[in-house]
C-alpha cells in the first residue's frame, strides 16, 4: 500500500521514569514525514543515559518505508554507543518491512507496548 498524497505523521513523547521514554508515532513514515519521527528519536537518543531505554511505539503506523528504517537504525546505534537501548513496538507493516531487510535480529521488536515495557522491567502504561 503506497502512502496517500496527504500523508501525515504525528508523535507524542512521554517519560515513564528516569530511565524509560516512549515515543509513539501514528500515521505514515516516508521521505516527506520521516523528520517527525527521526528528529525527536535522535534527540532522545542523544540524551539517554547508560542503562536507559527509548521505546519507539510504531503500532499506529500504516505505511513504513526506507527512511523509517534509517531513522531506527541511527537511533539504535547512538543508543547502543551510550549504553542505552532502543525497543520498537511494531505494527504489522513495520515488522514485515524490518524482516524483509533482515533487521528483526538487530532491533528489539515487540508486538505491544506492554511487551516492550515488560522487557525492561517497567510495567507502567
C-alpha atoms as a PDB file:
ATOM      1  CA  UNK A   1       0.000   0.000   0.000  1.00  0.00           C
ATOM      2  CA  UNK A   2       1.514   3.324  -1.031  1.00  0.00           C
ATOM      3  CA  UNK A   3       1.108   6.454   1.062  1.00  0.00           C
ATOM      4  CA  UNK A   4      -1.633   8.869   0.172  1.00  0.00           C
ATOM      5  CA  UNK A   5      -0.776  12.257  -1.295  1.00  0.00           C
ATOM      6  CA  UNK A   6      -1.540  13.888   2.055  1.00  0.00           C
ATOM      7  CA  UNK A   7       0.493  11.533   4.222  1.00  0.00           C
ATOM      8  CA  UNK A   8       0.792  12.691   7.804  1.00  0.00           C
ATOM      9  CA  UNK A   9       2.710  11.568  10.833  1.00  0.00           C
ATOM     10  CA  UNK A  10       2.322  12.638  14.433  1.00  0.00           C
ATOM     11  CA  UNK A  11       4.319  11.760  17.516  1.00  0.00           C
ATOM     12  CA  UNK A  12       3.944  12.096  21.260  1.00  0.00           C
ATOM     13  CA  UNK A  13       6.627  11.598  23.876  1.00  0.00           C
ATOM     14  CA  UNK A  14       6.186  10.620  27.486  1.00  0.00           C
ATOM     15  CA  UNK A  15       8.718   9.843  30.150  1.00  0.00           C
ATOM     16  CA  UNK A  16       7.686   6.919  32.314  1.00  0.00           C
ATOM     17  CA  UNK A  17      10.568   7.316  34.740  1.00  0.00           C
ATOM     18  CA  UNK A  18      14.184   8.473  34.713  1.00  0.00           C
ATOM     19  CA  UNK A  19      15.237   5.537  32.532  1.00  0.00           C
ATOM     20  CA  UNK A  20      12.309   4.920  30.145  1.00  0.00           C
ATOM     21  CA  UNK A  21      10.895   7.235  27.482  1.00  0.00           C
ATOM     22  CA  UNK A  22       8.179   6.270  24.985  1.00  0.00           C
ATOM     23  CA  UNK A  23       7.936   7.992  21.614  1.00  0.00           C
ATOM     24  CA  UNK A  24       4.637   6.965  19.991  1.00  0.00           C
ATOM     25  CA  UNK A  25       4.063   7.599  16.291  1.00  0.00           C
ATOM     26  CA  UNK A  26       0.882   7.410  14.262  1.00  0.00           C
ATOM     27  CA  UNK A  27       0.411   7.777  10.516  1.00  0.00           C
ATOM     28  CA  UNK A  28       2.743   7.140   7.605  1.00  0.00           C
ATOM     29  CA  UNK A  29       6.546   7.169   7.594  1.00  0.00           C
ATOM     30  CA  UNK A  30       8.052   8.105   4.239  1.00  0.00           C
ATOM     31  CA  UNK A  31      10.515  10.644   2.857  1.00  0.00           C
ATOM     32  CA  UNK A  32       8.125  13.546   3.414  1.00  0.00           C
ATOM     33  CA  UNK A  33       7.290  12.675   7.033  1.00  0.00           C
ATOM     34  CA  UNK A  34      10.332  10.898   8.473  1.00  0.00           C
ATOM     35  CA  UNK A  35      11.708  14.018  10.186  1.00  0.00           C
ATOM     36  CA  UNK A  36       8.673  13.980  12.500  1.00  0.00           C
ATOM     37  CA  UNK A  37       9.921  10.631  13.823  1.00  0.00           C
ATOM     38  CA  UNK A  38      13.671  10.945  13.280  1.00  0.00           C
ATOM     39  CA  UNK A  39      14.281  14.299  14.959  1.00  0.00           C
ATOM     40  CA  UNK A  40      12.704  13.581  18.361  1.00  0.00           C
ATOM     41  CA  UNK A  41      14.001   9.998  18.290  1.00  0.00           C
ATOM     42  CA  UNK A  42      17.579  11.157  17.741  1.00  0.00           C
ATOM     43  CA  UNK A  43      17.169  13.879  20.367  1.00  0.00           C
ATOM     44  CA  UNK A  44      16.069  11.241  22.881  1.00  0.00           C
ATOM     45  CA  UNK A  45      18.960   9.012  21.830  1.00  0.00           C
ATOM     46  CA  UNK A  46      21.383  11.865  22.387  1.00  0.00           C
ATOM     47  CA  UNK A  47      20.128  12.459  25.924  1.00  0.00           C
ATOM     48  CA  UNK A  48      19.750   8.832  27.034  1.00  0.00           C
ATOM     49  CA  UNK A  49      21.895   7.712  29.921  1.00  0.00           C
ATOM     50  CA  UNK A  50      23.630   4.369  30.158  1.00  0.00           C
ATOM     51  CA  UNK A  51      21.073   1.764  31.122  1.00  0.00           C
ATOM     52  CA  UNK A  52      18.189   3.849  29.784  1.00  0.00           C
ATOM     53  CA  UNK A  53      15.594   2.746  27.251  1.00  0.00           C
ATOM     54  CA  UNK A  54      13.821   4.551  24.455  1.00  0.00           C
ATOM     55  CA  UNK A  55      10.709   2.797  23.192  1.00  0.00           C
ATOM     56  CA  UNK A  56       9.626   3.702  19.664  1.00  0.00           C
ATOM     57  CA  UNK A  57       5.944   2.760  19.658  1.00  0.00           C
ATOM     58  CA  UNK A  58       5.119   2.339  15.967  1.00  0.00           C
ATOM     59  CA  UNK A  59       1.913   0.357  16.496  1.00  0.00           C
ATOM     60  CA  UNK A  60      -0.049   3.196  14.864  1.00  0.00           C
ATOM     61  CA  UNK A  61       1.947   3.200  11.616  1.00  0.00           C
ATOM     62  CA  UNK A  62       0.064   2.378   8.399  1.00  0.00           C
ATOM     63  CA  UNK A  63       2.924   2.845   5.924  1.00  0.00           C
ATOM     64  CA  UNK A  64       6.651   2.380   6.569  1.00  0.00           C
ATOM     65  CA  UNK A  65       9.440   2.896   4.033  1.00  0.00           C
ATOM     66  CA  UNK A  66      13.234   3.058   3.971  1.00  0.00           C
ATOM     67  CA  UNK A  67      13.613   6.483   5.646  1.00  0.00           C
ATOM     68  CA  UNK A  68      11.946   4.961   8.722  1.00  0.00           C
ATOM     69  CA  UNK A  69      14.419   2.091   8.683  1.00  0.00           C
ATOM     70  CA  UNK A  70      17.306   4.554   8.574  1.00  0.00           C
ATOM     71  CA  UNK A  71      15.869   6.582  11.470  1.00  0.00           C
ATOM     72  CA  UNK A  72      15.513   3.463  13.637  1.00  0.00           C
ATOM     73  CA  UNK A  73      18.989   2.201  12.813  1.00  0.00           C
ATOM     74  CA  UNK A  74      20.622   5.552  13.537  1.00  0.00           C
ATOM     75  CA  UNK A  75      18.832   5.836  16.884  1.00  0.00           C
ATOM     76  CA  UNK A  76      19.686   2.216  17.733  1.00  0.00           C
ATOM     77  CA  UNK A  77      23.385   2.797  17.001  1.00  0.00           C
ATOM     78  CA  UNK A  78      23.526   6.015  19.033  1.00  0.00           C
ATOM     79  CA  UNK A  79      21.722   4.470  21.972  1.00  0.00           C
ATOM     80  CA  UNK A  80      23.905   1.357  21.923  1.00  0.00           C
ATOM     81  CA  UNK A  81      27.050   3.532  21.846  1.00  0.00           C
ATOM     82  CA  UNK A  82      25.910   5.279  25.041  1.00  0.00           C
ATOM     83  CA  UNK A  83      24.928   2.048  26.789  1.00  0.00           C
ATOM     84  CA  UNK A  84      21.198   2.576  26.310  1.00  0.00           C
ATOM     85  CA  UNK A  85      18.610   0.507  24.440  1.00  0.00           C
ATOM     86  CA  UNK A  86      16.035   1.029  21.697  1.00  0.00           C
ATOM     87  CA  UNK A  87      12.913  -1.117  21.770  1.00  0.00           C
ATOM     88  CA  UNK A  88      10.449  -0.975  18.874  1.00  0.00           C
ATOM     89  CA  UNK A  89       6.732  -1.742  19.115  1.00  0.00           C
ATOM     90  CA  UNK A  90       5.717  -2.791  15.635  1.00  0.00           C
ATOM     91  CA  UNK A  91       2.627  -2.538  13.509  1.00  0.00           C
ATOM     92  CA  UNK A  92       2.427  -5.488  11.076  1.00  0.00           C
ATOM     93  CA  UNK A  93       3.770  -3.368   8.173  1.00  0.00           C
ATOM     94  CA  UNK A  94       6.746  -2.237  10.255  1.00  0.00           C
ATOM     95  CA  UNK A  95       7.619  -5.765  11.379  1.00  0.00           C
ATOM     96  CA  UNK A  96       7.276  -7.106   7.831  1.00  0.00           C
ATOM     97  CA  UNK A  97       9.492  -4.358   6.390  1.00  0.00           C
ATOM     98  CA  UNK A  98      12.181  -4.813   9.055  1.00  0.00           C
ATOM     99  CA  UNK A  99      12.124  -8.595   8.498  1.00  0.00           C
ATOM    100  CA  UNK A 100      12.481  -8.140   4.725  1.00  0.00           C
ATOM    101  CA  UNK A 101      15.747  -6.249   5.234  1.00  0.00           C
ATOM    102  CA  UNK A 102      16.983  -8.623   7.943  1.00  0.00           C
ATOM    103  CA  UNK A 103      16.733  -6.309  10.937  1.00  0.00           C
ATOM    104  CA  UNK A 104      14.444  -8.405  13.109  1.00  0.00           C
ATOM    105  CA  UNK A 105      17.554  -9.736  14.865  1.00  0.00           C
ATOM    106  CA  UNK A 106      19.351  -6.382  15.159  1.00  0.00           C
ATOM    107  CA  UNK A 107      16.462  -4.449  16.726  1.00  0.00           C
ATOM    108  CA  UNK A 108      14.465  -5.400  19.821  1.00  0.00           C
ATOM    109  CA  UNK A 109      10.968  -5.817  18.329  1.00  0.00           C
ATOM    110  CA  UNK A 110       7.779  -6.160  20.377  1.00  0.00           C
ATOM    111  CA  UNK A 111       4.140  -6.706  19.469  1.00  0.00           C
ATOM    112  CA  UNK A 112       2.762  -4.399  22.166  1.00  0.00           C
ATOM    113  CA  UNK A 113       3.896  -1.563  24.386  1.00  0.00           C
ATOM    114  CA  UNK A 114       3.249  -3.781  27.419  1.00  0.00           C
ATOM    115  CA  UNK A 115       5.659  -6.369  25.976  1.00  0.00           C
ATOM    116  CA  UNK A 116       8.344  -3.728  25.427  1.00  0.00           C
ATOM    117  CA  UNK A 117       7.949  -2.311  28.931  1.00  0.00           C
ATOM    118  CA  UNK A 118       7.958  -5.767  30.486  1.00  0.00           C
ATOM    119  CA  UNK A 119      11.261  -6.422  28.729  1.00  0.00           C
ATOM    120  CA  UNK A 120      12.823  -3.521  30.646  1.00  0.00           C
ATOM    121  CA  UNK A 121      11.057  -4.387  33.882  1.00  0.00           C
ATOM    122  CA  UNK A 122       8.734  -1.377  33.729  1.00  0.00           C
ATOM    123  CA  UNK A 123       5.058  -2.206  33.530  1.00  0.00           C
ATOM    124  CA  UNK A 124       3.687   1.367  33.578  1.00  0.00           C
ATOM    125  CA  UNK A 125       1.414   2.198  30.674  1.00  0.00           C
END
